[in-house]
Amino acid sequence: MKRTILSFIFIFVLGATVSTFAQDNQTLFQSRGIYRSGGYAAISNKFTKINGDYANMAELYGGWFINQRFLIGIGAAATTNYIPVPALEQNFPARKMTYQYGQIGLMTEYVFASTRKVHFTANLLTGTGFTLQYDRRNVDDWDWDDWDDRHDDDDVKCFFVMEPGVQVEFNLLKWMRFSPGVSYRKAFNAKGNGLTDSDLSNISYNLTLKFGRF
C-alpha cells in the first residue's frame, strides 16, 4: 500500500515538473507577435551648420517596421541653400560658388511604446557622405541662357558618415506622426573641397512627418 501511494506521489510530482518545464521552455523563433509588421516613410527638414554657415537639409527615409518597434530601411538627405565657398577654396572662379553636401545609407530606428500618444524614438544613419561645389548664381538668378558656362565640380568627394539621433513622437492619426528631434552628424576621413571632418560634423535639429502603417 505504501509503495502504491509513493508511486502515485512520484508520478504526480514528475508530471507537474514536466508540465512546468514545458510551459517555461520558450524558443527564439516564436510566432507570437514577430510577424506583426508594417512600414512607413518620413519626410524631414534639418537645420544645421556646415563650415560654420547655416545649412538647410531635406531628408527622406523609410523602410520595414517590425513588431511596432524597429525600422530598417534607407535614408538620404542633401543641402538646399547657399553655403558660401571661401575664395581661396573655390575650384572655379565663379561669382557665387556654394557647397553641396549630401548623405545616403542604412537607416535604423527604434520606437519606444509606439502605441502611446506621445513617445520617444532613437535612430541611426550609417553610410556615405559627399561634397561638391557648384555655381549657385545659375540657380538663384534663373540665368538659363548661360547655363553651358556654369561652373560645377565634377570631383565629388565621398567619405563615411554616421548620424545618431532622438525624437519625441506624437501620434496625430493612425497613419501619420509628427516627430521633432535632434541628431549629431559625424564625418570620417572627409577630404577635398576645402572641408574637413570638423567642418562637416555638427548638431542637426529636425522636424519630421511620418506616413504609413505603424
N, C-alpha and C. Protein backbone atom coordinates (compact mmCIF):
# COMPACT_ATOMS: atom_id res chain seq x y z
N MET A 1 0.84 -1.21 0.00
CA MET A 1 0.00 0.00 0.00
C MET A 1 0.87 1.26 0.00
N LYS A 2 1.91 1.20 0.86
CA LYS A 2 2.79 2.36 0.90
C LYS A 2 3.49 2.56 -0.42
N ARG A 3 3.89 1.45 -1.04
CA ARG A 3 4.55 1.54 -2.33
C ARG A 3 3.62 2.15 -3.38
N THR A 4 2.35 1.77 -3.32
CA THR A 4 1.37 2.30 -4.28
C THR A 4 1.20 3.80 -4.10
N ILE A 5 1.08 4.25 -2.84
CA ILE A 5 0.93 5.68 -2.56
C ILE A 5 2.16 6.46 -3.01
N LEU A 6 3.37 5.92 -2.69
CA LEU A 6 4.61 6.56 -3.11
C LEU A 6 4.70 6.63 -4.63
N SER A 7 4.23 5.59 -5.29
CA SER A 7 4.25 5.58 -6.76
C SER A 7 3.38 6.69 -7.33
N PHE A 8 2.16 6.84 -6.76
CA PHE A 8 1.26 7.90 -7.22
C PHE A 8 1.88 9.29 -6.97
N ILE A 9 2.50 9.45 -5.79
CA ILE A 9 3.12 10.74 -5.47
C ILE A 9 4.25 11.03 -6.47
N PHE A 10 5.06 10.02 -6.78
CA PHE A 10 6.17 10.19 -7.71
C PHE A 10 5.67 10.57 -9.11
N ILE A 11 4.62 9.88 -9.54
CA ILE A 11 4.06 10.17 -10.87
C ILE A 11 3.49 11.59 -10.91
N PHE A 12 2.82 12.02 -9.81
CA PHE A 12 2.23 13.37 -9.75
C PHE A 12 3.31 14.44 -9.80
N VAL A 13 4.38 14.25 -8.99
CA VAL A 13 5.47 15.22 -8.96
C VAL A 13 6.17 15.29 -10.31
N LEU A 14 6.41 14.13 -10.90
CA LEU A 14 7.07 14.09 -12.20
C LEU A 14 6.24 14.79 -13.27
N GLY A 15 4.94 14.53 -13.24
CA GLY A 15 4.06 15.17 -14.22
C GLY A 15 4.01 16.67 -14.06
N ALA A 16 3.97 17.15 -12.79
CA ALA A 16 3.96 18.59 -12.54
C ALA A 16 5.25 19.24 -13.00
N THR A 17 6.38 18.54 -12.75
CA THR A 17 7.68 19.08 -13.16
C THR A 17 7.78 19.18 -14.67
N VAL A 18 7.38 18.15 -15.37
CA VAL A 18 7.41 18.16 -16.84
C VAL A 18 6.53 19.27 -17.39
N SER A 19 5.32 19.41 -16.75
CA SER A 19 4.40 20.45 -17.19
C SER A 19 5.01 21.83 -17.02
N THR A 20 5.71 22.04 -15.87
CA THR A 20 6.33 23.35 -15.61
C THR A 20 7.41 23.66 -16.63
N PHE A 21 8.28 22.67 -16.90
CA PHE A 21 9.34 22.88 -17.88
C PHE A 21 8.77 23.11 -19.28
N ALA A 22 7.68 22.45 -19.58
CA ALA A 22 7.06 22.62 -20.89
C ALA A 22 6.52 24.03 -21.05
N GLN A 23 5.99 24.62 -19.96
CA GLN A 23 5.46 25.97 -20.04
C GLN A 23 6.56 27.01 -20.14
N ASP A 24 7.71 26.79 -19.45
CA ASP A 24 8.79 27.77 -19.42
C ASP A 24 9.75 27.65 -20.59
N ASN A 25 9.62 26.59 -21.37
CA ASN A 25 10.54 26.35 -22.47
C ASN A 25 10.14 27.21 -23.67
N GLN A 26 10.72 28.43 -23.77
CA GLN A 26 10.43 29.36 -24.86
C GLN A 26 11.52 29.28 -25.91
N THR A 27 11.12 29.42 -27.17
CA THR A 27 12.07 29.33 -28.27
C THR A 27 12.38 30.71 -28.81
N LEU A 28 13.46 30.79 -29.57
CA LEU A 28 13.87 32.07 -30.16
C LEU A 28 12.95 32.52 -31.28
N PHE A 29 12.33 31.57 -31.96
CA PHE A 29 11.52 31.89 -33.13
C PHE A 29 10.05 31.62 -32.86
N GLN A 30 9.50 32.35 -31.90
CA GLN A 30 8.08 32.23 -31.61
C GLN A 30 7.28 32.98 -32.67
N SER A 31 6.12 32.43 -32.99
CA SER A 31 5.28 33.09 -33.99
C SER A 31 4.51 34.25 -33.39
N ARG A 32 4.38 34.28 -32.07
CA ARG A 32 3.55 35.30 -31.42
C ARG A 32 4.18 36.68 -31.57
N GLY A 33 3.57 37.53 -32.38
CA GLY A 33 3.95 38.93 -32.47
C GLY A 33 5.08 39.24 -33.44
N ILE A 34 5.89 38.23 -33.82
CA ILE A 34 7.06 38.56 -34.62
C ILE A 34 6.69 38.93 -36.05
N TYR A 35 5.52 38.47 -36.53
CA TYR A 35 5.11 38.77 -37.88
C TYR A 35 4.23 40.02 -37.96
N ARG A 36 4.04 40.67 -36.83
CA ARG A 36 3.21 41.88 -36.83
C ARG A 36 4.09 43.05 -37.25
N SER A 37 4.00 43.42 -38.49
CA SER A 37 4.88 44.46 -39.01
C SER A 37 4.16 45.32 -40.04
N GLY A 38 4.78 46.42 -40.38
CA GLY A 38 4.24 47.33 -41.38
C GLY A 38 5.38 48.09 -42.02
N GLY A 39 5.17 49.35 -42.25
CA GLY A 39 6.22 50.16 -42.85
C GLY A 39 5.80 51.61 -42.89
N TYR A 40 6.77 52.50 -42.97
CA TYR A 40 6.45 53.91 -43.08
C TYR A 40 7.56 54.67 -43.78
N ALA A 41 7.20 55.85 -44.27
CA ALA A 41 8.15 56.76 -44.90
C ALA A 41 8.12 58.09 -44.14
N ALA A 42 9.25 58.76 -44.10
CA ALA A 42 9.37 60.02 -43.37
C ALA A 42 9.96 61.11 -44.26
N ILE A 43 9.41 62.31 -44.13
CA ILE A 43 9.99 63.49 -44.77
C ILE A 43 10.42 64.43 -43.65
N SER A 44 11.63 64.97 -43.77
CA SER A 44 12.19 65.74 -42.68
C SER A 44 12.93 66.95 -43.21
N ASN A 45 12.94 68.01 -42.41
CA ASN A 45 13.77 69.18 -42.71
C ASN A 45 14.71 69.41 -41.54
N LYS A 46 16.01 69.51 -41.86
CA LYS A 46 17.03 69.64 -40.83
C LYS A 46 17.66 71.03 -40.86
N PHE A 47 18.00 71.51 -39.68
CA PHE A 47 18.65 72.80 -39.53
C PHE A 47 20.00 72.56 -38.87
N THR A 48 21.09 72.88 -39.57
CA THR A 48 22.41 72.55 -39.08
C THR A 48 23.42 73.58 -39.59
N LYS A 49 24.70 73.29 -39.41
CA LYS A 49 25.76 74.15 -39.93
C LYS A 49 26.82 73.30 -40.63
N ILE A 50 27.33 73.85 -41.72
CA ILE A 50 28.44 73.25 -42.45
C ILE A 50 29.49 74.32 -42.68
N ASN A 51 30.71 74.04 -42.26
CA ASN A 51 31.81 75.00 -42.36
C ASN A 51 31.48 76.32 -41.65
N GLY A 52 30.69 76.24 -40.57
CA GLY A 52 30.34 77.42 -39.79
C GLY A 52 29.18 78.22 -40.32
N ASP A 53 28.60 77.83 -41.47
CA ASP A 53 27.47 78.55 -42.07
C ASP A 53 26.19 77.72 -41.96
N TYR A 54 25.06 78.43 -41.89
CA TYR A 54 23.77 77.75 -41.79
C TYR A 54 23.53 76.85 -43.00
N ALA A 55 23.05 75.66 -42.75
CA ALA A 55 22.72 74.71 -43.82
C ALA A 55 21.34 74.13 -43.58
N ASN A 56 20.52 74.18 -44.60
CA ASN A 56 19.18 73.57 -44.57
C ASN A 56 19.25 72.27 -45.35
N MET A 57 18.77 71.19 -44.72
CA MET A 57 18.83 69.88 -45.36
C MET A 57 17.45 69.25 -45.44
N ALA A 58 17.11 68.77 -46.64
CA ALA A 58 15.88 67.99 -46.83
C ALA A 58 16.24 66.51 -46.75
N GLU A 59 15.39 65.74 -46.07
CA GLU A 59 15.69 64.33 -45.86
C GLU A 59 14.47 63.46 -46.13
N LEU A 60 14.72 62.29 -46.69
CA LEU A 60 13.71 61.25 -46.87
C LEU A 60 14.26 59.94 -46.32
N TYR A 61 13.43 59.20 -45.59
CA TYR A 61 13.83 57.86 -45.19
C TYR A 61 12.60 57.01 -44.94
N GLY A 62 12.80 55.71 -44.93
CA GLY A 62 11.68 54.80 -44.71
C GLY A 62 12.13 53.37 -44.80
N GLY A 63 11.21 52.46 -44.48
CA GLY A 63 11.55 51.05 -44.55
C GLY A 63 10.51 50.16 -43.90
N TRP A 64 10.94 48.99 -43.49
CA TRP A 64 10.11 47.95 -42.89
C TRP A 64 10.07 48.17 -41.38
N PHE A 65 8.86 48.25 -40.83
CA PHE A 65 8.65 48.49 -39.39
C PHE A 65 8.25 47.17 -38.75
N ILE A 66 9.15 46.60 -37.95
CA ILE A 66 8.99 45.25 -37.42
C ILE A 66 8.43 45.28 -36.00
N ASN A 67 7.31 44.59 -35.82
CA ASN A 67 6.72 44.36 -34.50
C ASN A 67 6.49 45.66 -33.72
N GLN A 68 6.14 46.72 -34.41
CA GLN A 68 5.85 48.03 -33.81
C GLN A 68 7.00 48.56 -32.96
N ARG A 69 8.21 48.16 -33.32
CA ARG A 69 9.37 48.60 -32.54
C ARG A 69 10.55 49.08 -33.39
N PHE A 70 10.88 48.33 -34.42
CA PHE A 70 12.16 48.53 -35.09
C PHE A 70 11.99 48.76 -36.59
N LEU A 71 12.54 49.85 -37.08
CA LEU A 71 12.53 50.17 -38.51
C LEU A 71 13.91 49.88 -39.09
N ILE A 72 13.93 49.24 -40.25
CA ILE A 72 15.16 49.07 -41.01
C ILE A 72 14.88 49.46 -42.46
N GLY A 73 15.71 50.36 -43.01
CA GLY A 73 15.45 50.85 -44.36
C GLY A 73 16.62 51.68 -44.86
N ILE A 74 16.31 52.66 -45.68
CA ILE A 74 17.34 53.53 -46.24
C ILE A 74 16.94 54.99 -46.03
N GLY A 75 17.93 55.86 -46.01
CA GLY A 75 17.68 57.29 -45.84
C GLY A 75 18.63 58.10 -46.70
N ALA A 76 18.20 59.29 -47.09
CA ALA A 76 19.03 60.18 -47.90
C ALA A 76 18.69 61.63 -47.55
N ALA A 77 19.70 62.48 -47.58
CA ALA A 77 19.50 63.90 -47.27
C ALA A 77 20.49 64.73 -48.07
N ALA A 78 20.13 66.00 -48.33
CA ALA A 78 21.03 66.90 -49.07
C ALA A 78 20.70 68.34 -48.72
N THR A 79 21.70 69.20 -48.81
CA THR A 79 21.50 70.63 -48.53
C THR A 79 20.73 71.29 -49.67
N THR A 80 20.01 72.35 -49.32
CA THR A 80 19.16 73.04 -50.31
C THR A 80 19.48 74.53 -50.45
N ASN A 81 20.33 75.06 -49.61
CA ASN A 81 20.54 76.51 -49.59
C ASN A 81 21.98 76.87 -49.98
N TYR A 82 22.25 78.15 -50.05
CA TYR A 82 23.56 78.67 -50.39
C TYR A 82 24.51 78.57 -49.20
N ILE A 83 25.60 77.83 -49.37
CA ILE A 83 26.64 77.69 -48.35
C ILE A 83 27.93 78.18 -48.99
N PRO A 84 28.36 79.40 -48.70
CA PRO A 84 29.46 80.02 -49.45
C PRO A 84 30.78 79.26 -49.35
N VAL A 85 31.47 79.18 -50.48
CA VAL A 85 32.81 78.60 -50.53
C VAL A 85 33.81 79.75 -50.42
N PRO A 86 34.71 79.73 -49.45
CA PRO A 86 35.72 80.79 -49.34
C PRO A 86 36.51 80.94 -50.64
N ALA A 87 36.91 82.16 -50.98
CA ALA A 87 37.59 82.44 -52.25
C ALA A 87 38.82 81.55 -52.44
N LEU A 88 39.57 81.31 -51.39
CA LEU A 88 40.78 80.51 -51.51
C LEU A 88 40.50 79.03 -51.75
N GLU A 89 39.27 78.59 -51.47
CA GLU A 89 38.92 77.18 -51.62
C GLU A 89 38.10 76.91 -52.88
N GLN A 90 37.77 77.94 -53.66
CA GLN A 90 36.93 77.75 -54.84
C GLN A 90 37.68 77.00 -55.93
N ASN A 91 37.02 76.00 -56.49
CA ASN A 91 37.62 75.23 -57.58
C ASN A 91 37.49 75.92 -58.92
N PHE A 92 36.56 76.89 -59.01
CA PHE A 92 36.36 77.67 -60.23
C PHE A 92 36.19 79.13 -59.84
N PRO A 93 36.62 80.05 -60.69
CA PRO A 93 36.49 81.49 -60.38
C PRO A 93 35.08 82.00 -60.68
N ALA A 94 34.10 81.46 -59.99
CA ALA A 94 32.71 81.88 -60.20
C ALA A 94 32.34 82.95 -59.19
N ARG A 95 31.22 83.62 -59.44
CA ARG A 95 30.81 84.71 -58.57
C ARG A 95 30.15 84.22 -57.29
N LYS A 96 29.55 83.02 -57.34
CA LYS A 96 28.76 82.57 -56.21
C LYS A 96 28.88 81.05 -56.04
N MET A 97 30.09 80.60 -55.76
CA MET A 97 30.29 79.17 -55.57
C MET A 97 29.71 78.74 -54.21
N THR A 98 29.03 77.61 -54.22
CA THR A 98 28.40 77.11 -53.00
C THR A 98 28.77 75.65 -52.79
N TYR A 99 28.78 75.25 -51.53
CA TYR A 99 28.96 73.84 -51.21
C TYR A 99 27.65 73.09 -51.35
N GLN A 100 27.73 71.86 -51.84
CA GLN A 100 26.62 70.92 -51.81
C GLN A 100 27.05 69.74 -50.95
N TYR A 101 26.24 69.43 -49.95
CA TYR A 101 26.51 68.27 -49.11
C TYR A 101 25.34 67.31 -49.19
N GLY A 102 25.63 66.02 -49.19
CA GLY A 102 24.58 65.01 -49.19
C GLY A 102 25.04 63.75 -48.47
N GLN A 103 24.09 62.90 -48.13
CA GLN A 103 24.40 61.63 -47.48
C GLN A 103 23.33 60.60 -47.81
N ILE A 104 23.72 59.33 -47.84
CA ILE A 104 22.77 58.25 -48.11
C ILE A 104 23.29 56.99 -47.43
N GLY A 105 22.38 56.16 -46.92
CA GLY A 105 22.84 54.94 -46.26
C GLY A 105 21.73 54.18 -45.57
N LEU A 106 22.15 53.26 -44.71
CA LEU A 106 21.22 52.42 -43.94
C LEU A 106 20.61 53.24 -42.81
N MET A 107 19.29 53.17 -42.70
CA MET A 107 18.57 53.88 -41.64
C MET A 107 17.91 52.87 -40.72
N THR A 108 18.22 52.96 -39.44
CA THR A 108 17.56 52.13 -38.43
C THR A 108 16.92 53.05 -37.38
N GLU A 109 15.77 52.61 -36.86
CA GLU A 109 15.06 53.43 -35.87
C GLU A 109 14.34 52.52 -34.89
N TYR A 110 14.51 52.78 -33.60
CA TYR A 110 13.81 52.04 -32.56
C TYR A 110 12.77 52.94 -31.91
N VAL A 111 11.54 52.44 -31.83
CA VAL A 111 10.42 53.22 -31.30
C VAL A 111 10.02 52.65 -29.94
N PHE A 112 10.04 53.49 -28.93
CA PHE A 112 9.66 53.08 -27.58
C PHE A 112 8.17 53.33 -27.36
N ALA A 113 7.43 52.28 -26.99
CA ALA A 113 5.98 52.40 -26.70
C ALA A 113 5.25 53.05 -27.85
N SER A 114 5.34 52.44 -29.00
CA SER A 114 4.81 53.02 -30.23
C SER A 114 3.32 53.35 -30.19
N THR A 115 2.54 52.60 -29.41
CA THR A 115 1.09 52.80 -29.40
C THR A 115 0.64 53.97 -28.52
N ARG A 116 1.53 54.50 -27.71
CA ARG A 116 1.17 55.65 -26.87
C ARG A 116 1.10 56.93 -27.70
N LYS A 117 0.28 57.86 -27.24
CA LYS A 117 0.09 59.10 -27.99
C LYS A 117 1.39 59.88 -28.12
N VAL A 118 2.18 59.89 -27.06
CA VAL A 118 3.48 60.57 -27.07
C VAL A 118 4.53 59.58 -26.60
N HIS A 119 5.59 59.45 -27.37
CA HIS A 119 6.65 58.50 -27.00
C HIS A 119 7.97 58.97 -27.62
N PHE A 120 8.99 58.14 -27.52
CA PHE A 120 10.32 58.52 -27.99
C PHE A 120 10.84 57.53 -29.02
N THR A 121 11.74 58.02 -29.88
CA THR A 121 12.42 57.16 -30.84
C THR A 121 13.92 57.46 -30.80
N ALA A 122 14.70 56.47 -31.19
CA ALA A 122 16.15 56.64 -31.36
C ALA A 122 16.52 56.07 -32.73
N ASN A 123 17.29 56.81 -33.50
CA ASN A 123 17.62 56.36 -34.84
C ASN A 123 19.10 56.53 -35.15
N LEU A 124 19.52 55.90 -36.25
CA LEU A 124 20.92 55.94 -36.66
C LEU A 124 21.01 55.75 -38.16
N LEU A 125 21.67 56.71 -38.83
CA LEU A 125 22.01 56.56 -40.24
C LEU A 125 23.50 56.29 -40.35
N THR A 126 23.87 55.26 -41.10
CA THR A 126 25.27 54.96 -41.38
C THR A 126 25.41 54.77 -42.89
N GLY A 127 26.38 55.47 -43.47
CA GLY A 127 26.53 55.36 -44.91
C GLY A 127 27.59 56.28 -45.47
N THR A 128 27.30 56.82 -46.64
CA THR A 128 28.26 57.64 -47.38
C THR A 128 27.81 59.09 -47.42
N GLY A 129 28.75 59.99 -47.13
CA GLY A 129 28.51 61.42 -47.33
C GLY A 129 29.31 61.89 -48.52
N PHE A 130 28.89 63.01 -49.12
CA PHE A 130 29.65 63.55 -50.26
C PHE A 130 29.57 65.07 -50.26
N THR A 131 30.56 65.69 -50.86
CA THR A 131 30.57 67.15 -51.05
C THR A 131 30.99 67.47 -52.48
N LEU A 132 30.54 68.61 -52.95
CA LEU A 132 30.97 69.16 -54.23
C LEU A 132 30.74 70.66 -54.19
N GLN A 133 31.18 71.36 -55.22
CA GLN A 133 30.95 72.79 -55.36
C GLN A 133 30.21 73.05 -56.67
N TYR A 134 29.34 74.06 -56.66
CA TYR A 134 28.71 74.47 -57.92
C TYR A 134 28.38 75.95 -57.86
N ASP A 135 28.08 76.52 -59.01
CA ASP A 135 27.79 77.95 -59.13
C ASP A 135 26.33 78.19 -58.78
N ARG A 136 26.09 78.73 -57.60
CA ARG A 136 24.73 78.96 -57.13
C ARG A 136 24.04 80.06 -57.94
N ARG A 137 24.80 80.92 -58.56
CA ARG A 137 24.22 82.04 -59.31
C ARG A 137 23.22 81.55 -60.35
N ASN A 138 23.52 80.44 -61.00
CA ASN A 138 22.63 79.93 -62.04
C ASN A 138 21.31 79.44 -61.47
N VAL A 139 21.31 79.03 -60.21
CA VAL A 139 20.07 78.57 -59.57
C VAL A 139 19.27 79.74 -59.04
N ASP A 140 19.93 80.65 -58.32
CA ASP A 140 19.23 81.77 -57.69
C ASP A 140 18.68 82.77 -58.71
N ASP A 141 19.44 83.02 -59.78
CA ASP A 141 19.04 84.04 -60.75
C ASP A 141 18.30 83.47 -61.95
N TRP A 142 18.11 82.17 -62.00
CA TRP A 142 17.45 81.53 -63.14
C TRP A 142 18.07 81.99 -64.46
N ASP A 143 19.39 82.01 -64.49
CA ASP A 143 20.12 82.51 -65.64
C ASP A 143 20.41 81.34 -66.59
N TRP A 144 19.35 80.84 -67.21
CA TRP A 144 19.50 79.64 -68.03
C TRP A 144 20.19 79.92 -69.36
N ASP A 145 20.27 81.17 -69.79
CA ASP A 145 20.88 81.49 -71.09
C ASP A 145 22.35 81.10 -71.14
N ASP A 146 23.05 81.26 -70.02
CA ASP A 146 24.46 80.89 -70.00
C ASP A 146 24.69 79.63 -69.15
N TRP A 147 23.69 78.73 -69.15
CA TRP A 147 23.81 77.51 -68.38
C TRP A 147 25.01 76.67 -68.80
N ASP A 148 25.36 76.74 -70.10
CA ASP A 148 26.50 75.99 -70.58
C ASP A 148 27.82 76.50 -70.02
N ASP A 149 27.81 77.75 -69.51
CA ASP A 149 29.02 78.33 -68.94
C ASP A 149 29.08 78.18 -67.43
N ARG A 150 28.18 77.38 -66.85
CA ARG A 150 28.15 77.23 -65.42
C ARG A 150 29.43 76.56 -64.93
N HIS A 151 29.73 76.71 -63.66
CA HIS A 151 30.92 76.12 -63.06
C HIS A 151 30.49 75.10 -62.02
N ASP A 152 30.57 73.85 -62.40
CA ASP A 152 30.23 72.76 -61.48
C ASP A 152 31.45 71.90 -61.24
N ASP A 153 31.52 71.34 -60.05
CA ASP A 153 32.64 70.49 -59.67
C ASP A 153 32.30 69.04 -59.94
N ASP A 154 33.01 68.43 -60.90
CA ASP A 154 32.78 67.02 -61.19
C ASP A 154 33.54 66.11 -60.23
N ASP A 155 34.41 66.67 -59.42
CA ASP A 155 35.21 65.90 -58.48
C ASP A 155 34.46 65.77 -57.15
N VAL A 156 33.58 64.79 -57.07
CA VAL A 156 32.78 64.57 -55.86
C VAL A 156 33.63 63.83 -54.83
N LYS A 157 33.66 64.37 -53.62
CA LYS A 157 34.44 63.76 -52.54
C LYS A 157 33.51 62.96 -51.63
N CYS A 158 33.81 61.67 -51.46
CA CYS A 158 32.97 60.80 -50.65
C CYS A 158 33.72 60.36 -49.38
N PHE A 159 32.97 60.03 -48.35
CA PHE A 159 33.54 59.65 -47.06
C PHE A 159 32.46 58.93 -46.26
N PHE A 160 32.87 58.38 -45.13
CA PHE A 160 31.93 57.67 -44.26
C PHE A 160 31.28 58.64 -43.29
N VAL A 161 29.98 58.44 -43.03
CA VAL A 161 29.25 59.33 -42.13
C VAL A 161 28.32 58.51 -41.24
N MET A 162 28.18 58.94 -39.98
CA MET A 162 27.22 58.37 -39.04
C MET A 162 26.40 59.51 -38.43
N GLU A 163 25.11 59.25 -38.21
CA GLU A 163 24.27 60.28 -37.60
C GLU A 163 23.25 59.65 -36.65
N PRO A 164 23.58 59.54 -35.36
CA PRO A 164 22.60 59.09 -34.38
C PRO A 164 21.70 60.24 -33.96
N GLY A 165 20.45 59.92 -33.58
CA GLY A 165 19.52 60.97 -33.17
C GLY A 165 18.40 60.44 -32.29
N VAL A 166 17.67 61.36 -31.68
CA VAL A 166 16.49 61.03 -30.87
C VAL A 166 15.36 61.96 -31.26
N GLN A 167 14.13 61.49 -31.05
CA GLN A 167 12.94 62.28 -31.38
C GLN A 167 11.86 62.09 -30.32
N VAL A 168 11.04 63.11 -30.15
CA VAL A 168 9.79 62.99 -29.42
C VAL A 168 8.70 62.81 -30.47
N GLU A 169 7.90 61.77 -30.36
CA GLU A 169 6.95 61.44 -31.42
C GLU A 169 5.51 61.57 -30.93
N PHE A 170 4.70 62.23 -31.77
CA PHE A 170 3.29 62.44 -31.47
C PHE A 170 2.44 61.69 -32.51
N ASN A 171 1.54 60.83 -32.04
CA ASN A 171 0.65 60.09 -32.94
C ASN A 171 -0.54 60.99 -33.30
N LEU A 172 -0.45 61.65 -34.45
CA LEU A 172 -1.53 62.54 -34.87
C LEU A 172 -2.74 61.75 -35.37
N LEU A 173 -2.49 60.78 -36.25
CA LEU A 173 -3.52 59.90 -36.80
C LEU A 173 -2.96 58.48 -36.81
N LYS A 174 -3.80 57.52 -37.15
CA LYS A 174 -3.31 56.15 -37.19
C LYS A 174 -2.20 55.98 -38.22
N TRP A 175 -2.22 56.81 -39.25
CA TRP A 175 -1.25 56.66 -40.33
C TRP A 175 -0.26 57.84 -40.43
N MET A 176 -0.28 58.77 -39.46
CA MET A 176 0.61 59.93 -39.54
C MET A 176 1.13 60.31 -38.16
N ARG A 177 2.43 60.63 -38.10
CA ARG A 177 3.07 61.03 -36.85
C ARG A 177 3.96 62.25 -37.08
N PHE A 178 4.10 63.06 -36.03
CA PHE A 178 4.95 64.24 -36.05
C PHE A 178 6.08 64.02 -35.05
N SER A 179 7.34 64.18 -35.53
CA SER A 179 8.48 63.79 -34.71
C SER A 179 9.60 64.83 -34.76
N PRO A 180 9.55 65.86 -33.92
CA PRO A 180 10.69 66.78 -33.83
C PRO A 180 11.83 66.11 -33.05
N GLY A 181 13.07 66.47 -33.41
CA GLY A 181 14.18 65.82 -32.73
C GLY A 181 15.51 66.49 -32.97
N VAL A 182 16.55 65.83 -32.51
CA VAL A 182 17.91 66.34 -32.63
C VAL A 182 18.84 65.17 -32.95
N SER A 183 19.89 65.43 -33.71
CA SER A 183 20.85 64.40 -34.07
C SER A 183 22.24 65.01 -34.16
N TYR A 184 23.24 64.15 -34.26
CA TYR A 184 24.61 64.64 -34.43
C TYR A 184 25.25 63.92 -35.61
N ARG A 185 25.66 64.68 -36.59
CA ARG A 185 26.29 64.16 -37.81
C ARG A 185 27.81 64.14 -37.62
N LYS A 186 28.42 62.97 -37.84
CA LYS A 186 29.86 62.82 -37.70
C LYS A 186 30.46 62.29 -38.99
N ALA A 187 31.36 63.07 -39.58
CA ALA A 187 32.05 62.68 -40.81
C ALA A 187 33.40 62.07 -40.47
N PHE A 188 33.82 61.08 -41.28
CA PHE A 188 35.09 60.41 -41.07
C PHE A 188 35.92 60.44 -42.35
N ASN A 189 37.12 60.96 -42.26
CA ASN A 189 38.08 60.97 -43.36
C ASN A 189 37.56 61.78 -44.55
N ALA A 190 36.91 62.90 -44.27
CA ALA A 190 36.47 63.80 -45.34
C ALA A 190 37.65 64.64 -45.82
N LYS A 191 37.89 64.61 -47.12
CA LYS A 191 39.00 65.37 -47.69
C LYS A 191 38.54 66.02 -48.99
N GLY A 192 39.10 67.18 -49.29
CA GLY A 192 38.79 67.85 -50.54
C GLY A 192 37.73 68.92 -50.41
N ASN A 193 37.66 69.78 -51.40
CA ASN A 193 36.70 70.88 -51.46
C ASN A 193 36.86 71.86 -50.30
N GLY A 194 38.02 71.82 -49.64
CA GLY A 194 38.26 72.77 -48.55
C GLY A 194 37.50 72.45 -47.28
N LEU A 195 37.04 71.22 -47.12
CA LEU A 195 36.24 70.83 -45.96
C LEU A 195 36.91 69.68 -45.22
N THR A 196 36.88 69.74 -43.90
CA THR A 196 37.44 68.68 -43.06
C THR A 196 36.31 67.99 -42.29
N ASP A 197 36.69 66.98 -41.52
CA ASP A 197 35.70 66.27 -40.68
C ASP A 197 35.00 67.23 -39.74
N SER A 198 35.75 68.13 -39.10
CA SER A 198 35.15 69.06 -38.14
C SER A 198 34.25 70.08 -38.83
N ASP A 199 34.54 70.43 -40.10
CA ASP A 199 33.69 71.37 -40.83
C ASP A 199 32.33 70.75 -41.14
N LEU A 200 32.30 69.45 -41.31
CA LEU A 200 31.07 68.76 -41.72
C LEU A 200 30.31 68.14 -40.56
N SER A 201 30.97 67.95 -39.43
CA SER A 201 30.32 67.33 -38.26
C SER A 201 29.65 68.40 -37.41
N ASN A 202 28.36 68.18 -37.11
CA ASN A 202 27.63 69.17 -36.31
C ASN A 202 26.29 68.63 -35.86
N ILE A 203 25.67 69.36 -34.94
CA ILE A 203 24.32 69.04 -34.47
C ILE A 203 23.29 69.45 -35.52
N SER A 204 22.25 68.65 -35.65
CA SER A 204 21.12 68.98 -36.52
C SER A 204 19.83 68.95 -35.71
N TYR A 205 18.98 69.93 -35.94
CA TYR A 205 17.63 69.94 -35.36
C TYR A 205 16.67 69.64 -36.51
N ASN A 206 15.67 68.83 -36.25
CA ASN A 206 14.80 68.42 -37.36
C ASN A 206 13.33 68.42 -36.98
N LEU A 207 12.51 68.61 -38.00
CA LEU A 207 11.05 68.48 -37.93
C LEU A 207 10.66 67.41 -38.94
N THR A 208 9.97 66.35 -38.46
CA THR A 208 9.73 65.19 -39.29
C THR A 208 8.27 64.78 -39.26
N LEU A 209 7.75 64.43 -40.43
CA LEU A 209 6.42 63.84 -40.56
C LEU A 209 6.58 62.42 -41.10
N LYS A 210 5.84 61.47 -40.50
CA LYS A 210 5.92 60.08 -40.90
C LYS A 210 4.54 59.59 -41.35
N PHE A 211 4.54 58.82 -42.44
CA PHE A 211 3.30 58.31 -43.00
C PHE A 211 3.44 56.81 -43.26
N GLY A 212 2.42 56.04 -42.86
CA GLY A 212 2.47 54.62 -43.15
C GLY A 212 1.63 53.77 -42.24
N ARG A 213 2.00 52.52 -42.17
CA ARG A 213 1.31 51.54 -41.32
C ARG A 213 2.18 51.29 -40.10
N PHE A 214 1.74 51.81 -38.97
CA PHE A 214 2.51 51.71 -37.74
C PHE A 214 2.03 50.54 -36.87
